[in-house]
Amino acid sequence: MAEPNLRVTRHIAVDHPAFAGHFPGQPLLPGVLLLAEVLEAALAVPALAARLGPQPTLGAAKFLAPVGPGSTLVITLDDTPRGVRFGVHRGDVLAASGLLQPCGR
């Protein structure tokens, strides 16, 4: 498998407000916030932002492992003919993967 085009590291704060209600006693980062981290990372790269356009869509997403407070995530982004493939790793664990696509694809 080829190396990803880009790797971005993000740290999820222990005191992130989402953990207060999701879920008490077992805090987990909601999937929508995980996807927001991916989209923000992709749109920060001018070439990927141009490729995805102003309204990217989510072609696919799999949530494979929980992300808790204080997690360090490595987001990998690969420009492919179908869109931008992403992976979200928490250490050696793949927490999420999927595909961002330009609107209308």
PDB file of N, CA and C in Angstrom:
ATOM      1  N   MET A   1       0.843  -1.185   0.000  1.00  0.00           N
ATOM      2  CA  MET A   1       0.000   0.000   0.000  1.00  0.00           C
ATOM      3  C   MET A   1       0.889   1.248   0.000  1.00  0.00           C
ATOM      4  N   ALA A   2       0.523   2.237  -0.778  1.00  0.00           N
ATOM      5  CA  ALA A   2       1.309   3.468  -0.890  1.00  0.00           C
ATOM      6  C   ALA A   2       1.171   4.299   0.382  1.00  0.00           C
ATOM      7  N   GLU A   3       2.169   5.123   0.614  1.00  0.00           N
ATOM      8  CA  GLU A   3       2.126   6.046   1.750  1.00  0.00           C
ATOM      9  C   GLU A   3       1.051   7.106   1.490  1.00  0.00           C
ATOM     10  N   PRO A   4       0.401   7.587   2.547  1.00  0.00           N
ATOM     11  CA  PRO A   4      -0.598   8.639   2.355  1.00  0.00           C
ATOM     12  C   PRO A   4       0.053   9.930   1.883  1.00  0.00           C
ATOM     13  N   ASN A   5      -0.739  10.733   1.187  1.00  0.00           N
ATOM     14  CA  ASN A   5      -0.263  12.026   0.717  1.00  0.00           C
ATOM     15  C   ASN A   5       0.064  12.959   1.876  1.00  0.00           C
ATOM     16  N   LEU A   6      -0.696  12.856   2.953  1.00  0.00           N
ATOM     17  CA  LEU A   6      -0.571  13.824   4.038  1.00  0.00           C
ATOM     18  C   LEU A   6      -0.951  13.178   5.359  1.00  0.00           C
ATOM     19  N   ARG A   7      -0.235  13.578   6.416  1.00  0.00           N
ATOM     20  CA  ARG A   7      -0.553  13.165   7.793  1.00  0.00           C
ATOM     21  C   ARG A   7      -0.706  14.429   8.633  1.00  0.00           C
ATOM     22  N   VAL A   8      -1.768  14.465   9.422  1.00  0.00           N
ATOM     23  CA  VAL A   8      -2.035  15.595  10.301  1.00  0.00           C
ATOM     24  C   VAL A   8      -2.276  15.037  11.701  1.00  0.00           C
ATOM     25  N   THR A   9      -1.623  15.616  12.694  1.00  0.00           N
ATOM     26  CA  THR A   9      -1.809  15.174  14.074  1.00  0.00           C
ATOM     27  C   THR A   9      -2.728  16.146  14.798  1.00  0.00           C
ATOM     28  N   ARG A  10      -3.692  15.596  15.510  1.00  0.00           N
ATOM     29  CA  ARG A  10      -4.634  16.401  16.303  1.00  0.00           C
ATOM     30  C   ARG A  10      -4.699  15.822  17.709  1.00  0.00           C
ATOM     31  N   HIS A  11      -4.771  16.693  18.696  1.00  0.00           N
ATOM     32  CA  HIS A  11      -4.927  16.257  20.083  1.00  0.00           C
ATOM     33  C   HIS A  11      -6.333  16.620  20.539  1.00  0.00           C
ATOM     34  N   ILE A  12      -7.033  15.658  21.114  1.00  0.00           N
ATOM     35  CA  ILE A  12      -8.384  15.890  21.623  1.00  0.00           C
ATOM     36  C   ILE A  12      -8.270  16.200  23.114  1.00  0.00           C
ATOM     37  N   ALA A  13      -8.628  17.401  23.500  1.00  0.00           N
ATOM     38  CA  ALA A  13      -8.467  17.862  24.880  1.00  0.00           C
ATOM     39  C   ALA A  13      -9.277  17.009  25.855  1.00  0.00           C
ATOM     40  N   VAL A  14      -8.709  16.822  27.000  1.00  0.00           N
ATOM     41  CA  VAL A  14      -9.381  16.063  28.066  1.00  0.00           C
ATOM     42  C   VAL A  14     -10.687  16.751  28.465  1.00  0.00           C
ATOM     43  N   ASP A  15     -10.689  18.068  28.422  1.00  0.00           N
ATOM     44  CA  ASP A  15     -11.865  18.827  28.857  1.00  0.00           C
ATOM     45  C   ASP A  15     -12.745  19.301  27.687  1.00  0.00           C
ATOM     46  N   HIS A  16     -12.658  18.626  26.536  1.00  0.00           N
ATOM     47  CA  HIS A  16     -13.510  18.995  25.394  1.00  0.00           C
ATOM     48  C   HIS A  16     -14.967  18.959  25.849  1.00  0.00           C
ATOM     49  N   PRO A  17     -15.752  19.984  25.533  1.00  0.00           N
ATOM     50  CA  PRO A  17     -17.138  20.053  26.009  1.00  0.00           C
ATOM     51  C   PRO A  17     -18.023  18.880  25.577  1.00  0.00           C
ATOM     52  N   ALA A  18     -17.713  18.229  24.481  1.00  0.00           N
ATOM     53  CA  ALA A  18     -18.541  17.114  24.015  1.00  0.00           C
ATOM     54  C   ALA A  18     -18.527  15.939  24.987  1.00  0.00           C
ATOM     55  N   PHE A  19     -17.461  15.804  25.767  1.00  0.00           N
ATOM     56  CA  PHE A  19     -17.362  14.665  26.674  1.00  0.00           C
ATOM     57  C   PHE A  19     -18.328  14.764  27.852  1.00  0.00           C
ATOM     58  N   ALA A  20     -18.789  15.965  28.154  1.00  0.00           N
ATOM     59  CA  ALA A  20     -19.684  16.143  29.303  1.00  0.00           C
ATOM     60  C   ALA A  20     -20.977  15.343  29.161  1.00  0.00           C
ATOM     61  N   GLY A  21     -21.496  15.249  27.971  1.00  0.00           N
ATOM     62  CA  GLY A  21     -22.774  14.548  27.793  1.00  0.00           C
ATOM     63  C   GLY A  21     -22.694  13.328  26.908  1.00  0.00           C
ATOM     64  N   HIS A  22     -21.523  12.952  26.497  1.00  0.00           N
ATOM     65  CA  HIS A  22     -21.388  11.862  25.512  1.00  0.00           C
ATOM     66  C   HIS A  22     -20.289  10.902  25.934  1.00  0.00           C
ATOM     67  N   PHE A  23     -20.354  10.122  26.763  1.00  0.00           N
ATOM     68  CA  PHE A  23     -21.394   9.650  27.649  1.00  0.00           C
ATOM     69  C   PHE A  23     -20.886   9.730  29.076  1.00  0.00           C
ATOM     70  N   PRO A  24     -21.704  10.143  30.029  1.00  0.00           N
ATOM     71  CA  PRO A  24     -21.255  10.244  31.420  1.00  0.00           C
ATOM     72  C   PRO A  24     -20.683   8.907  31.914  1.00  0.00           C
ATOM     73  N   GLY A  25     -19.508   8.983  32.485  1.00  0.00           N
ATOM     74  CA  GLY A  25     -18.857   7.776  32.991  1.00  0.00           C
ATOM     75  C   GLY A  25     -18.027   7.043  31.955  1.00  0.00           C
ATOM     76  N   GLN A  26     -18.314   7.217  30.682  1.00  0.00           N
ATOM     77  CA  GLN A  26     -17.551   6.619  29.588  1.00  0.00           C
ATOM     78  C   GLN A  26     -17.486   7.609  28.433  1.00  0.00           C
ATOM     79  N   PRO A  27     -16.701   8.672  28.584  1.00  0.00           N
ATOM     80  CA  PRO A  27     -16.697   9.726  27.563  1.00  0.00           C
ATOM     81  C   PRO A  27     -16.123   9.252  26.222  1.00  0.00           C
ATOM     82  N   LEU A  28     -16.862   9.567  25.160  1.00  0.00           N
ATOM     83  CA  LEU A  28     -16.461   9.234  23.792  1.00  0.00           C
ATOM     84  C   LEU A  28     -16.636  10.463  22.913  1.00  0.00           C
ATOM     85  N   LEU A  29     -15.707  10.665  21.985  1.00  0.00           N
ATOM     86  CA  LEU A  29     -15.847  11.760  21.032  1.00  0.00           C
ATOM     87  C   LEU A  29     -16.923  11.371  20.019  1.00  0.00           C
ATOM     88  N   PRO A  30     -17.964  12.181  19.856  1.00  0.00           N
ATOM     89  CA  PRO A  30     -18.998  11.865  18.871  1.00  0.00           C
ATOM     90  C   PRO A  30     -18.417  11.774  17.454  1.00  0.00           C
ATOM     91  N   GLY A  31     -18.958  10.873  16.659  1.00  0.00           N
ATOM     92  CA  GLY A  31     -18.483  10.670  15.301  1.00  0.00           C
ATOM     93  C   GLY A  31     -18.507  11.934  14.459  1.00  0.00           C
ATOM     94  N   VAL A  32     -19.521  12.757  14.648  1.00  0.00           N
ATOM     95  CA  VAL A  32     -19.614  13.985  13.858  1.00  0.00           C
ATOM     96  C   VAL A  32     -18.435  14.912  14.151  1.00  0.00           C
ATOM     97  N   LEU A  33     -17.953  14.925  15.395  1.00  0.00           N
ATOM     98  CA  LEU A  33     -16.797  15.764  15.718  1.00  0.00           C
ATOM     99  C   LEU A  33     -15.508  15.160  15.166  1.00  0.00           C
ATOM    100  N   LEU A  34     -15.440  13.854  15.115  1.00  0.00           N
ATOM    101  CA  LEU A  34     -14.295  13.194  14.492  1.00  0.00           C
ATOM    102  C   LEU A  34     -14.252  13.534  13.003  1.00  0.00           C
ATOM    103  N   LEU A  35     -15.409  13.495  12.346  1.00  0.00           N
ATOM    104  CA  LEU A  35     -15.477  13.861  10.930  1.00  0.00           C
ATOM    105  C   LEU A  35     -15.150  15.340  10.718  1.00  0.00           C
ATOM    106  N   ALA A  36     -15.538  16.195  11.654  1.00  0.00           N
ATOM    107  CA  ALA A  36     -15.213  17.618  11.550  1.00  0.00           C
ATOM    108  C   ALA A  36     -13.702  17.822  11.591  1.00  0.00           C
ATOM    109  N   GLU A  37     -12.999  17.044  12.414  1.00  0.00           N
ATOM    110  CA  GLU A  37     -11.527  17.124  12.464  1.00  0.00           C
ATOM    111  C   GLU A  37     -10.936  16.728  11.110  1.00  0.00           C
ATOM    112  N   VAL A  38     -11.482  15.678  10.499  1.00  0.00           N
ATOM    113  CA  VAL A  38     -10.999  15.211   9.195  1.00  0.00           C
ATOM    114  C   VAL A  38     -11.236  16.276   8.133  1.00  0.00           C
ATOM    115  N   LEU A  39     -12.446  16.816   8.090  1.00  0.00           N
ATOM    116  CA  LEU A  39     -12.782  17.823   7.082  1.00  0.00           C
ATOM    117  C   LEU A  39     -11.917  19.072   7.259  1.00  0.00           C
ATOM    118  N   GLU A  40     -11.726  19.503   8.492  1.00  0.00           N
ATOM    119  CA  GLU A  40     -10.882  20.675   8.757  1.00  0.00           C
ATOM    120  C   GLU A  40      -9.449  20.429   8.274  1.00  0.00           C
ATOM    121  N   ALA A  41      -8.940  19.230   8.528  1.00  0.00           N
ATOM    122  CA  ALA A  41      -7.573  18.898   8.094  1.00  0.00           C
ATOM    123  C   ALA A  41      -7.483  18.913   6.567  1.00  0.00           C
ATOM    124  N   ALA A  42      -8.474  18.344   5.891  1.00  0.00           N
ATOM    125  CA  ALA A  42      -8.453  18.296   4.424  1.00  0.00           C
ATOM    126  C   ALA A  42      -8.570  19.686   3.816  1.00  0.00           C
ATOM    127  N   LEU A  43      -9.459  20.506   4.355  1.00  0.00           N
ATOM    128  CA  LEU A  43      -9.679  21.837   3.788  1.00  0.00           C
ATOM    129  C   LEU A  43      -8.546  22.805   4.083  1.00  0.00           C
ATOM    130  N   ALA A  44      -7.670  22.456   5.024  1.00  0.00           N
ATOM    131  CA  ALA A  44      -6.505  23.289   5.318  1.00  0.00           C
ATOM    132  C   ALA A  44      -5.403  23.121   4.278  1.00  0.00           C
ATOM    133  N   VAL A  45      -5.535  22.129   3.412  1.00  0.00           N
ATOM    134  CA  VAL A  45      -4.565  21.878   2.344  1.00  0.00           C
ATOM    135  C   VAL A  45      -5.147  22.468   1.056  1.00  0.00           C
ATOM    136  N   PRO A  46      -4.567  23.529   0.516  1.00  0.00           N
ATOM    137  CA  PRO A  46      -5.169  24.194  -0.649  1.00  0.00           C
ATOM    138  C   PRO A  46      -5.521  23.252  -1.808  1.00  0.00           C
ATOM    139  N   ALA A  47      -4.654  22.319  -2.142  1.00  0.00           N
ATOM    140  CA  ALA A  47      -4.941  21.411  -3.272  1.00  0.00           C
ATOM    141  C   ALA A  47      -6.144  20.518  -2.971  1.00  0.00           C
ATOM    142  N   LEU A  48      -6.258  20.044  -1.740  1.00  0.00           N
ATOM    143  CA  LEU A  48      -7.401  19.194  -1.384  1.00  0.00           C
ATOM    144  C   LEU A  48      -8.675  20.027  -1.289  1.00  0.00           C
ATOM    145  N   ALA A  49      -8.572  21.245  -0.779  1.00  0.00           N
ATOM    146  CA  ALA A  49      -9.740  22.128  -0.705  1.00  0.00           C
ATOM    147  C   ALA A  49     -10.275  22.423  -2.104  1.00  0.00           C
ATOM    148  N   ALA A  50      -9.376  22.673  -3.049  1.00  0.00           N
ATOM    149  CA  ALA A  50      -9.801  22.929  -4.434  1.00  0.00           C
ATOM    150  C   ALA A  50     -10.435  21.681  -5.035  1.00  0.00           C
ATOM    151  N   ARG A  51      -9.880  20.535  -4.735  1.00  0.00           N
ATOM    152  CA  ARG A  51     -10.397  19.257  -5.260  1.00  0.00           C
ATOM    153  C   ARG A  51     -11.794  18.952  -4.729  1.00  0.00           C
ATOM    154  N   LEU A  52     -12.011  19.227  -3.429  1.00  0.00           N
ATOM    155  CA  LEU A  52     -13.291  18.910  -2.801  1.00  0.00           C
ATOM    156  C   LEU A  52     -14.357  19.959  -3.066  1.00  0.00           C
ATOM    157  N   GLY A  53     -13.949  21.199  -3.341  1.00  0.00           N
ATOM    158  CA  GLY A  53     -14.909  22.257  -3.617  1.00  0.00           C
ATOM    159  C   GLY A  53     -15.548  22.810  -2.361  1.00  0.00           C
ATOM    160  N   PRO A  54     -16.506  23.727  -2.536  1.00  0.00           N
ATOM    161  CA  PRO A  54     -17.088  24.436  -1.395  1.00  0.00           C
ATOM    162  C   PRO A  54     -18.039  23.604  -0.539  1.00  0.00           C
ATOM    163  N   GLN A  55     -18.561  22.511  -1.081  1.00  0.00           N
ATOM    164  CA  GLN A  55     -19.517  21.689  -0.329  1.00  0.00           C
ATOM    165  C   GLN A  55     -19.194  20.208  -0.490  1.00  0.00           C
ATOM    166  N   PRO A  56     -18.100  19.751   0.136  1.00  0.00           N
ATOM    167  CA  PRO A  56     -17.767  18.330   0.011  1.00  0.00           C
ATOM    168  C   PRO A  56     -18.835  17.461   0.656  1.00  0.00           C
ATOM    169  N   THR A  57     -18.937  16.239   0.183  1.00  0.00           N
ATOM    170  CA  THR A  57     -19.884  15.284   0.742  1.00  0.00           C
ATOM    171  C   THR A  57     -19.124  14.105   1.334  1.00  0.00           C
ATOM    172  N   LEU A  58     -19.801  13.381   2.173  1.00  0.00           N
ATOM    173  CA  LEU A  58     -19.229  12.201   2.793  1.00  0.00           C
ATOM    174  C   LEU A  58     -19.655  10.991   1.977  1.00  0.00           C
ATOM    175  N   GLY A  59     -18.696  10.391   1.248  1.00  0.00           N
ATOM    176  CA  GLY A  59     -19.005   9.233   0.418  1.00  0.00           C
ATOM    177  C   GLY A  59     -19.101   7.962   1.223  1.00  0.00           C
ATOM    178  N   ALA A  60     -18.345   7.880   2.312  1.00  0.00           N
ATOM    179  CA  ALA A  60     -18.350   6.703   3.177  1.00  0.00           C
ATOM    180  C   ALA A  60     -17.673   7.045   4.483  1.00  0.00           C
ATOM    181  N   ALA A  61     -18.097   6.371   5.545  1.00  0.00           N
ATOM    182  CA  ALA A  61     -17.433   6.522   6.844  1.00  0.00           C
ATOM    183  C   ALA A  61     -17.657   5.261   7.663  1.00  0.00           C
ATOM    184  N   LYS A  62     -16.596   4.806   8.300  1.00  0.00           N
ATOM    185  CA  LYS A  62     -16.674   3.673   9.228  1.00  0.00           C
ATOM    186  C   LYS A  62     -16.021   4.114  10.527  1.00  0.00           C
ATOM    187  N   PHE A  63     -16.727   3.897  11.618  1.00  0.00           N
ATOM    188  CA  PHE A  63     -16.190   4.184  12.937  1.00  0.00           C
ATOM    189  C   PHE A  63     -15.819   2.842  13.553  1.00  0.00           C
ATOM    190  N   LEU A  64     -14.541   2.645  13.790  1.00  0.00           N
ATOM    191  CA  LEU A  64     -14.031   1.326  14.136  1.00  0.00           C
ATOM    192  C   LEU A  64     -13.573   1.183  15.580  1.00  0.00           C
ATOM    193  N   ALA A  65     -13.239   2.286  16.239  1.00  0.00           N
ATOM    194  CA  ALA A  65     -12.769   2.235  17.619  1.00  0.00           C
ATOM    195  C   ALA A  65     -13.090   3.566  18.293  1.00  0.00           C
ATOM    196  N   PRO A  66     -13.360   3.541  19.590  1.00  0.00           N
ATOM    197  CA  PRO A  66     -13.696   4.780  20.295  1.00  0.00           C
ATOM    198  C   PRO A  66     -12.507   5.721  20.442  1.00  0.00           C
ATOM    199  N   VAL A  67     -12.829   7.004  20.529  1.00  0.00           N
ATOM    200  CA  VAL A  67     -11.829   8.049  20.779  1.00  0.00           C
ATOM    201  C   VAL A  67     -12.251   8.739  22.064  1.00  0.00           C
ATOM    202  N   GLY A  68     -11.376   8.716  23.042  1.00  0.00           N
ATOM    203  CA  GLY A  68     -11.693   9.293  24.342  1.00  0.00           C
ATOM    204  C   GLY A  68     -10.898  10.549  24.619  1.00  0.00           C
ATOM    205  N   PRO A  69     -11.112  11.116  25.800  1.00  0.00           N
ATOM    206  CA  PRO A  69     -10.413  12.338  26.206  1.00  0.00           C
ATOM    207  C   PRO A  69      -8.899  12.146  26.199  1.00  0.00           C
ATOM    208  N   GLY A  70      -8.199  13.173  25.745  1.00  0.00           N
ATOM    209  CA  GLY A  70      -6.744  13.153  25.744  1.00  0.00           C
ATOM    210  C   GLY A  70      -6.116  12.348  24.623  1.00  0.00           C
ATOM    211  N   SER A  71      -6.923  11.875  23.675  1.00  0.00           N
ATOM    212  CA  SER A  71      -6.386  11.079  22.567  1.00  0.00           C
ATOM    213  C   SER A  71      -5.593  11.942  21.600  1.00  0.00           C
ATOM    214  N   THR A  72      -4.513  11.376  21.090  1.00  0.00           N
ATOM    215  CA  THR A  72      -3.771  11.987  19.991  1.00  0.00           C
ATOM    216  C   THR A  72      -4.120  11.206  18.745  1.00  0.00           C
ATOM    217  N   LEU A  73      -4.583  11.908  17.739  1.00  0.00           N
ATOM    218  CA  LEU A  73      -5.031  11.288  16.494  1.00  0.00           C
ATOM    219  C   LEU A  73      -4.088  11.656  15.359  1.00  0.00           C
ATOM    220  N   VAL A  74      -3.845  10.703  14.479  1.00  0.00           N
ATOM    221  CA  VAL A  74      -3.130  10.966  13.238  1.00  0.00           C
ATOM    222  C   VAL A  74      -4.122  10.745  12.113  1.00  0.00           C
ATOM    223  N   ILE A  75      -4.404  11.818  11.384  1.00  0.00           N
ATOM    224  CA  ILE A  75      -5.338  11.766  10.257  1.00  0.00           C
ATOM    225  C   ILE A  75      -4.508  11.639   8.987  1.00  0.00           C
ATOM    226  N   THR A  76      -4.781  10.600   8.208  1.00  0.00           N
ATOM    227  CA  THR A  76      -4.109  10.438   6.921  1.00  0.00           C
ATOM    228  C   THR A  76      -5.089  10.810   5.814  1.00  0.00           C
ATOM    229  N   LEU A  77      -4.578  11.510   4.816  1.00  0.00           N
ATOM    230  CA  LEU A  77      -5.399  11.970   3.692  1.00  0.00           C
ATOM    231  C   LEU A  77      -4.724  11.545   2.392  1.00  0.00           C
ATOM    232  N   ASP A  78      -5.480  10.878   1.533  1.00  0.00           N
ATOM    233  CA  ASP A  78      -4.976  10.413   0.242  1.00  0.00           C
ATOM    234  C   ASP A  78      -5.887  10.902  -0.873  1.00  0.00           C
ATOM    235  N   ASP A  79      -5.343  11.666  -1.804  1.00  0.00           N
ATOM    236  CA  ASP A  79      -6.106  12.118  -2.972  1.00  0.00           C
ATOM    237  C   ASP A  79      -6.204  10.951  -3.944  1.00  0.00           C
ATOM    238  N   THR A  80      -7.421  10.537  -4.258  1.00  0.00           N
ATOM    239  CA  THR A  80      -7.655   9.415  -5.169  1.00  0.00           C
ATOM    240  C   THR A  80      -8.604   9.869  -6.275  1.00  0.00           C
ATOM    241  N   PRO A  81      -8.758   9.080  -7.329  1.00  0.00           N
ATOM    242  CA  PRO A  81      -9.701   9.463  -8.389  1.00  0.00           C
ATOM    243  C   PRO A  81     -11.143   9.640  -7.896  1.00  0.00           C
ATOM    244  N   ARG A  82     -11.537   8.933  -6.848  1.00  0.00           N
ATOM    245  CA  ARG A  82     -12.913   9.017  -6.331  1.00  0.00           C
ATOM    246  C   ARG A  82     -13.112  10.143  -5.324  1.00  0.00           C
ATOM    247  N   GLY A  83     -12.022  10.685  -4.773  1.00  0.00           N
ATOM    248  CA  GLY A  83     -12.119  11.719  -3.750  1.00  0.00           C
ATOM    249  C   GLY A  83     -10.929  11.623  -2.817  1.00  0.00           C
ATOM    250  N   VAL A  84     -11.103  12.101  -1.603  1.00  0.00           N
ATOM    251  CA  VAL A  84     -10.027  12.084  -0.618  1.00  0.00           C
ATOM    252  C   VAL A  84     -10.330  10.999   0.421  1.00  0.00           C
ATOM    253  N   ARG A  85      -9.538   9.948   0.398  1.00  0.00           N
ATOM    254  CA  ARG A  85      -9.669   8.878   1.391  1.00  0.00           C
ATOM    255  C   ARG A  85      -9.004   9.335   2.677  1.00  0.00           C
ATOM    256  N   PHE A  86      -9.628   8.969   3.797  1.00  0.00           N
ATOM    257  CA  PHE A  86      -9.047   9.338   5.082  1.00  0.00           C
ATOM    258  C   PHE A  86      -9.015   8.153   6.028  1.00  0.00           C
ATOM    259  N   GLY A  87      -8.060   8.231   6.930  1.00  0.00           N
ATOM    260  CA  GLY A  87      -7.977   7.292   8.033  1.00  0.00           C
ATOM    261  C   GLY A  87      -7.674   8.098   9.282  1.00  0.00           C
ATOM    262  N   VAL A  88      -8.222   7.664  10.398  1.00  0.00           N
ATOM    263  CA  VAL A  88      -7.961   8.326  11.679  1.00  0.00           C
ATOM    264  C   VAL A  88      -7.406   7.263  12.613  1.00  0.00           C
ATOM    265  N   HIS A  89      -6.160   7.438  12.996  1.00  0.00           N
ATOM    266  CA  HIS A  89      -5.494   6.470  13.863  1.00  0.00           C
ATOM    267  C   HIS A  89      -5.306   7.037  15.264  1.00  0.00           C
ATOM    268  N   ARG A  90      -5.563   6.211  16.244  1.00  0.00           N
ATOM    269  CA  ARG A  90      -5.278   6.514  17.649  1.00  0.00           C
ATOM    270  C   ARG A  90      -4.192   5.521  18.051  1.00  0.00           C
ATOM    271  N   GLY A  91      -2.943   5.973  17.985  1.00  0.00           N
ATOM    272  CA  GLY A  91      -1.825   5.045  18.150  1.00  0.00           C
ATOM    273  C   GLY A  91      -1.812   4.071  16.987  1.00  0.00           C
ATOM    274  N   ASP A  92      -1.752   2.787  17.284  1.00  0.00           N
ATOM    275  CA  ASP A  92      -1.754   1.764  16.239  1.00  0.00           C
ATOM    276  C   ASP A  92      -3.157   1.336  15.825  1.00  0.00           C
ATOM    277  N   VAL A  93      -4.168   1.927  16.436  1.00  0.00           N
ATOM    278  CA  VAL A  93      -5.561   1.524  16.210  1.00  0.00           C
ATOM    279  C   VAL A  93      -6.206   2.441  15.168  1.00  0.00           C
ATOM    280  N   LEU A  94      -6.833   1.841  14.158  1.00  0.00           N
ATOM    281  CA  LEU A  94      -7.609   2.606  13.188  1.00  0.00           C
ATOM    282  C   LEU A  94      -8.973   2.893  13.808  1.00  0.00           C
ATOM    283  N   ALA A  95      -9.232   4.164  14.127  1.00  0.00           N
ATOM    284  CA  ALA A  95     -10.477   4.559  14.780  1.00  0.00           C
ATOM    285  C   ALA A  95     -11.593   4.846  13.776  1.00  0.00           C
ATOM    286  N   ALA A  96     -11.232   5.340  12.592  1.00  0.00           N
ATOM    287  CA  ALA A  96     -12.241   5.667  11.582  1.00  0.00           C
ATOM    288  C   ALA A  96     -11.573   5.720  10.210  1.00  0.00           C
ATOM    289  N   SER A  97     -12.390   5.505   9.188  1.00  0.00           N
ATOM    290  CA  SER A  97     -11.908   5.636   7.809  1.00  0.00           C
ATOM    291  C   SER A  97     -13.080   6.031   6.930  1.00  0.00           C
ATOM    292  N   GLY A  98     -12.760   6.517   5.739  1.00  0.00           N
ATOM    293  CA  GLY A  98     -13.840   6.894   4.847  1.00  0.00           C
ATOM    294  C   GLY A  98     -13.370   7.666   3.637  1.00  0.00           C
ATOM    295  N   LEU A  99     -14.310   8.341   2.998  1.00  0.00           N
ATOM    296  CA  LEU A  99     -14.058   9.041   1.740  1.00  0.00           C
ATOM    297  C   LEU A  99     -14.830  10.364   1.717  1.00  0.00           C
ATOM    298  N   LEU A 100     -14.102  11.447   1.462  1.00  0.00           N
ATOM    299  CA  LEU A 100     -14.713  12.744   1.194  1.00  0.00           C
ATOM    300  C   LEU A 100     -14.750  12.939  -0.315  1.00  0.00           C
ATOM    301  N   GLN A 101     -15.857  13.461  -0.833  1.00  0.00           N
ATOM    302  CA  GLN A 101     -16.006  13.635  -2.274  1.00  0.00           C
ATOM    303  C   GLN A 101     -16.495  15.045  -2.602  1.00  0.00           C
ATOM    304  N   PRO A 102     -16.157  15.513  -3.807  1.00  0.00           N
ATOM    305  CA  PRO A 102     -16.735  16.783  -4.248  1.00  0.00           C
ATOM    306  C   PRO A 102     -18.251  16.640  -4.359  1.00  0.00           C
ATOM    307  N   CYS A 103     -18.975  17.716  -4.122  1.00  0.00           N
ATOM    308  CA  CYS A 103     -20.419  17.709  -4.238  1.00  0.00           C
ATOM    309  C   CYS A 103     -20.831  17.269  -5.644  1.00  0.00           C
ATOM    310  N   GLY A 104     -21.831  16.431  -5.729  1.00  0.00           N
ATOM    311  CA  GLY A 104     -22.338  15.993  -7.017  1.00  0.00           C
ATOM    312  C   GLY A 104     -21.695  14.754  -7.576  1.00  0.00           C
ATOM    313  N   ARG A 105     -20.809  14.142  -6.811  1.00  0.00           N
ATOM    314  CA  ARG A 105     -20.155  12.912  -7.285  1.00  0.00           C
ATOM    315  C   ARG A 105     -20.822  11.692  -6.792  1.00  0.00           C
TER     316      ARG A 105
END
